[in-house]
Amino acid sequence: MIVVLFVTLVTIGANAQFYAQGGLNLANITNTNNGQTEKNHLLPTFNAGLMGKFGISNTFDMESGILFTGKGSKAETYFNNDADYVKTKFNPLYLEVPLNAVVKIPLDTKMKSNIFFHAGPYVAVGIGGKSTRESSIIGLRTSSSSKIKFSNDDPFTSRQDDAAYDKLKRFDYGFNLGGGIDFGKLLLKANYGFGLAKINSK
């Protein structure tokens, strides 16, 4: 789930607009084939970038752009009757390009305000990030951190050599769905991005 805030930067022609976008990401990752998160937890992170709408009509539009966005999760594994544990937080950073179809319901044509709904695919490439690990084994506690390392493995396959929370497939893709309110100079938007790639075979 992504909650974002848009601010209008430039208006081109009659309707086309570019926006600066920034906001909060609440990221998670599934770790079972049926989509369960088990003991994974939401990871607060961020998104920022530039988006643009083409200004096709008052009721329909297309939007795209480029976003710098954080993903990842907090994961916990307990064993030995929960006396021992491994806690991992990994926060990969991606450049993401969405392409959304937008349906608008006008509220005030003079102020150019509307309610809108959007949906469409995205593709993303990993460019950085950090992973941290904390463990307690038989009372011995350790912690470490490392930079996220990306491979160029095919995202459409499940096979990956030497997989770990700090070793991910570079390419991601998925589907966005959301909506919000356009006040003319300010936009409020909620978006759910559903990743379809298996970025970590572990």
Protein backbone atom coordinates (compact mmCIF):
# COMPACT_ATOMS: atom_id res chain seq x y z
CA MET A 1 0.00 0.00 0.00
CA ILE A 2 1.38 3.40 -0.98
CA VAL A 3 0.02 6.73 0.23
CA VAL A 4 1.30 9.64 -1.85
CA LEU A 5 0.99 13.40 -2.24
CA PHE A 6 1.14 15.12 -5.63
CA VAL A 7 1.98 18.77 -6.26
CA THR A 8 1.47 20.33 -9.68
CA LEU A 9 4.71 21.71 -11.17
CA VAL A 10 3.97 22.66 -14.77
CA THR A 11 0.88 22.80 -16.98
CA ILE A 12 1.52 22.32 -20.70
CA GLY A 13 -1.07 23.20 -23.32
CA ALA A 14 -4.72 23.03 -22.32
CA ASN A 15 -4.69 19.91 -20.13
CA ALA A 16 -1.34 18.10 -19.96
CA GLN A 17 0.35 18.33 -16.56
CA PHE A 18 3.54 17.26 -14.83
CA TYR A 19 3.67 16.58 -11.10
CA ALA A 20 6.25 16.16 -8.40
CA GLN A 21 5.30 13.17 -6.26
CA GLY A 22 6.38 12.24 -2.77
CA GLY A 23 4.91 10.06 -0.07
CA LEU A 24 4.89 7.08 2.25
CA ASN A 25 5.25 3.44 1.19
CA LEU A 26 4.09 0.61 3.44
CA ALA A 27 5.91 -2.32 1.88
CA ASN A 28 5.71 -6.05 2.45
CA ILE A 29 6.64 -9.22 0.63
CA THR A 30 5.00 -12.63 0.51
CA ASN A 31 7.12 -15.67 1.22
CA THR A 32 4.83 -18.57 0.36
CA ASN A 33 3.44 -19.77 -2.96
CA ASN A 34 -0.15 -18.95 -1.94
CA GLY A 35 0.71 -15.33 -1.08
CA GLN A 36 0.87 -15.46 2.73
CA THR A 37 3.25 -13.14 4.58
CA GLU A 38 3.49 -15.41 7.65
CA LYS A 39 5.62 -13.43 10.14
CA ASN A 40 6.62 -10.70 7.72
CA HIS A 41 5.71 -7.16 8.75
CA LEU A 42 5.10 -3.87 6.96
CA LEU A 43 8.19 -1.75 6.32
CA PRO A 44 7.67 2.04 6.20
CA THR A 45 9.70 3.57 3.37
CA PHE A 46 9.16 6.28 0.73
CA ASN A 47 8.62 7.21 -2.91
CA ALA A 48 9.54 10.35 -4.87
CA GLY A 49 9.68 11.33 -8.51
CA LEU A 50 7.98 12.99 -11.47
CA MET A 51 4.66 11.99 -13.03
CA GLY A 52 2.70 13.37 -15.97
CA LYS A 53 -0.86 13.23 -17.30
CA PHE A 54 -1.50 13.57 -21.03
CA GLY A 55 -4.77 15.54 -20.81
CA ILE A 56 -6.79 13.30 -23.13
CA SER A 57 -10.26 14.33 -21.91
CA ASN A 58 -12.22 15.47 -18.85
CA THR A 59 -13.19 11.89 -17.98
CA PHE A 60 -10.28 9.72 -19.19
CA ASP A 61 -6.52 10.11 -19.18
CA MET A 62 -3.21 8.25 -19.13
CA GLU A 63 -0.36 8.92 -16.72
CA SER A 64 3.26 7.81 -16.50
CA GLY A 65 6.58 8.96 -15.08
CA ILE A 66 9.57 7.76 -13.11
CA LEU A 67 9.68 7.13 -9.36
CA PHE A 68 12.46 6.46 -6.87
CA THR A 69 10.75 4.03 -4.52
CA GLY A 70 11.55 1.81 -1.55
CA LYS A 71 10.28 -1.73 -1.16
CA GLY A 72 11.05 -4.68 1.13
CA SER A 73 9.84 -6.09 4.42
CA LYS A 74 10.63 -6.96 8.00
CA ALA A 75 10.91 -10.73 8.47
CA GLU A 76 11.17 -12.79 11.66
CA THR A 77 12.00 -16.46 12.14
CA TYR A 78 11.73 -18.12 15.57
CA PHE A 79 12.83 -21.60 16.61
CA ASN A 80 13.75 -23.63 19.71
CA ASN A 81 10.33 -22.81 21.24
CA ASP A 82 10.81 -19.15 20.26
CA ALA A 83 13.87 -18.82 22.49
CA ASP A 84 16.07 -18.17 19.45
CA TYR A 85 15.31 -15.90 16.53
CA VAL A 86 16.56 -14.22 13.39
CA LYS A 87 15.10 -10.80 12.52
CA THR A 88 15.82 -9.31 9.11
CA LYS A 89 14.88 -5.98 7.58
CA PHE A 90 15.60 -5.45 3.91
CA ASN A 91 14.85 -2.23 2.05
CA PRO A 92 15.75 -2.40 -1.67
CA LEU A 93 15.45 0.81 -3.68
CA TYR A 94 14.08 0.83 -7.24
CA LEU A 95 13.53 3.13 -10.18
CA GLU A 96 9.95 2.43 -11.23
CA VAL A 97 8.01 3.39 -14.37
CA PRO A 98 4.19 3.06 -14.09
CA LEU A 99 1.67 3.40 -16.92
CA ASN A 100 -1.85 3.97 -15.62
CA ALA A 101 -5.23 4.48 -17.22
CA VAL A 102 -7.14 7.15 -15.27
CA VAL A 103 -10.93 7.55 -15.05
CA LYS A 104 -12.04 10.96 -13.74
CA ILE A 105 -15.33 12.07 -12.21
CA PRO A 106 -15.45 15.90 -12.42
CA LEU A 107 -16.43 17.78 -9.25
CA ASP A 108 -15.90 21.39 -10.33
CA THR A 109 -15.00 22.20 -13.94
CA LYS A 110 -14.04 25.79 -13.08
CA MET A 111 -11.52 24.67 -10.46
CA LYS A 112 -10.60 21.56 -12.52
CA SER A 113 -11.14 19.30 -9.50
CA ASN A 114 -12.20 15.67 -9.75
CA ILE A 115 -12.28 12.27 -8.13
CA PHE A 116 -10.18 9.76 -10.07
CA PHE A 117 -9.43 6.05 -10.20
CA HIS A 118 -6.39 4.52 -11.89
CA ALA A 119 -4.99 1.10 -12.83
CA GLY A 120 -2.09 -0.18 -14.91
CA PRO A 121 1.22 -2.04 -15.01
CA TYR A 122 4.65 -1.00 -13.81
CA VAL A 123 8.24 -2.12 -14.38
CA ALA A 124 11.14 -1.42 -12.02
CA VAL A 125 14.90 -1.88 -11.77
CA GLY A 126 16.81 -2.23 -8.49
CA ILE A 127 19.55 0.34 -7.90
CA GLY A 128 20.46 0.11 -4.19
CA GLY A 129 19.25 -0.40 -0.66
CA LYS A 130 20.26 -1.91 2.66
CA SER A 131 19.63 -5.09 4.63
CA THR A 132 20.04 -5.51 8.40
CA ARG A 133 20.07 -8.72 10.46
CA GLU A 134 19.73 -9.39 14.18
CA SER A 135 19.87 -12.85 15.73
CA SER A 136 19.90 -14.56 19.10
CA ILE A 137 21.18 -18.14 19.17
CA ILE A 138 21.48 -19.85 22.56
CA GLY A 139 21.64 -16.43 24.18
CA LEU A 140 24.36 -15.12 21.87
CA ARG A 141 23.18 -11.99 20.12
CA THR A 142 24.68 -10.65 16.91
CA SER A 143 23.77 -7.94 14.40
CA SER A 144 25.02 -6.93 10.96
CA SER A 145 24.13 -4.81 7.95
CA SER A 146 24.98 -4.97 4.26
CA LYS A 147 24.18 -3.27 0.99
CA ILE A 148 21.57 -4.89 -1.26
CA LYS A 149 23.21 -6.75 -4.15
CA PHE A 150 21.26 -7.29 -7.36
CA SER A 151 21.60 -10.00 -9.96
CA ASN A 152 20.37 -10.00 -13.55
CA ASP A 153 18.45 -13.28 -13.17
CA ASP A 154 15.28 -13.67 -15.22
CA PRO A 155 12.40 -12.38 -13.00
CA PHE A 156 9.98 -14.82 -14.68
CA THR A 157 11.78 -17.87 -13.22
CA SER A 158 12.01 -19.09 -9.62
CA ARG A 159 15.61 -20.29 -9.82
CA GLN A 160 18.26 -18.11 -8.21
CA ASP A 161 21.75 -19.01 -7.02
CA ASP A 162 23.06 -17.95 -3.61
CA ALA A 163 19.77 -16.28 -2.58
CA ALA A 164 19.52 -14.20 0.60
CA TYR A 165 17.66 -11.16 1.91
CA ASP A 166 20.48 -8.93 0.67
CA LYS A 167 20.71 -10.66 -2.74
CA LEU A 168 17.76 -9.95 -5.02
CA LYS A 169 16.84 -10.16 -8.66
CA ARG A 170 17.29 -6.75 -10.24
CA PHE A 171 14.05 -6.50 -12.23
CA ASP A 172 10.54 -6.23 -10.81
CA TYR A 173 7.13 -5.80 -12.43
CA GLY A 174 3.56 -5.66 -11.26
CA PHE A 175 0.22 -3.88 -11.28
CA ASN A 176 -1.03 -0.65 -9.69
CA LEU A 177 -4.58 0.08 -8.52
CA GLY A 178 -5.83 3.16 -6.68
CA GLY A 179 -7.56 6.50 -6.69
CA GLY A 180 -7.77 9.91 -5.10
CA ILE A 181 -8.87 13.54 -5.32
CA ASP A 182 -7.46 16.16 -7.68
CA PHE A 183 -7.89 19.69 -6.29
CA GLY A 184 -6.33 21.33 -9.36
CA LYS A 185 -3.03 22.38 -7.76
CA LEU A 186 -2.81 19.55 -5.24
CA LEU A 187 -3.57 15.84 -5.52
CA LEU A 188 -4.09 13.28 -2.77
CA LYS A 189 -3.80 9.65 -3.81
CA ALA A 190 -3.79 6.14 -2.38
CA ASN A 191 -2.19 3.37 -4.45
CA TYR A 192 -1.77 -0.37 -4.05
CA GLY A 193 1.15 -1.83 -6.00
CA PHE A 194 1.00 -5.60 -6.40
CA GLY A 195 4.38 -7.05 -7.39
CA LEU A 196 4.29 -10.11 -9.62
CA ALA A 197 8.00 -10.92 -9.92
CA LYS A 198 9.72 -13.45 -7.66
CA ILE A 199 12.61 -11.18 -6.69
CA ASN A 200 14.06 -13.63 -4.14
CA SER A 201 13.80 -17.39 -4.52
CA LYS A 202 14.67 -17.88 -0.84
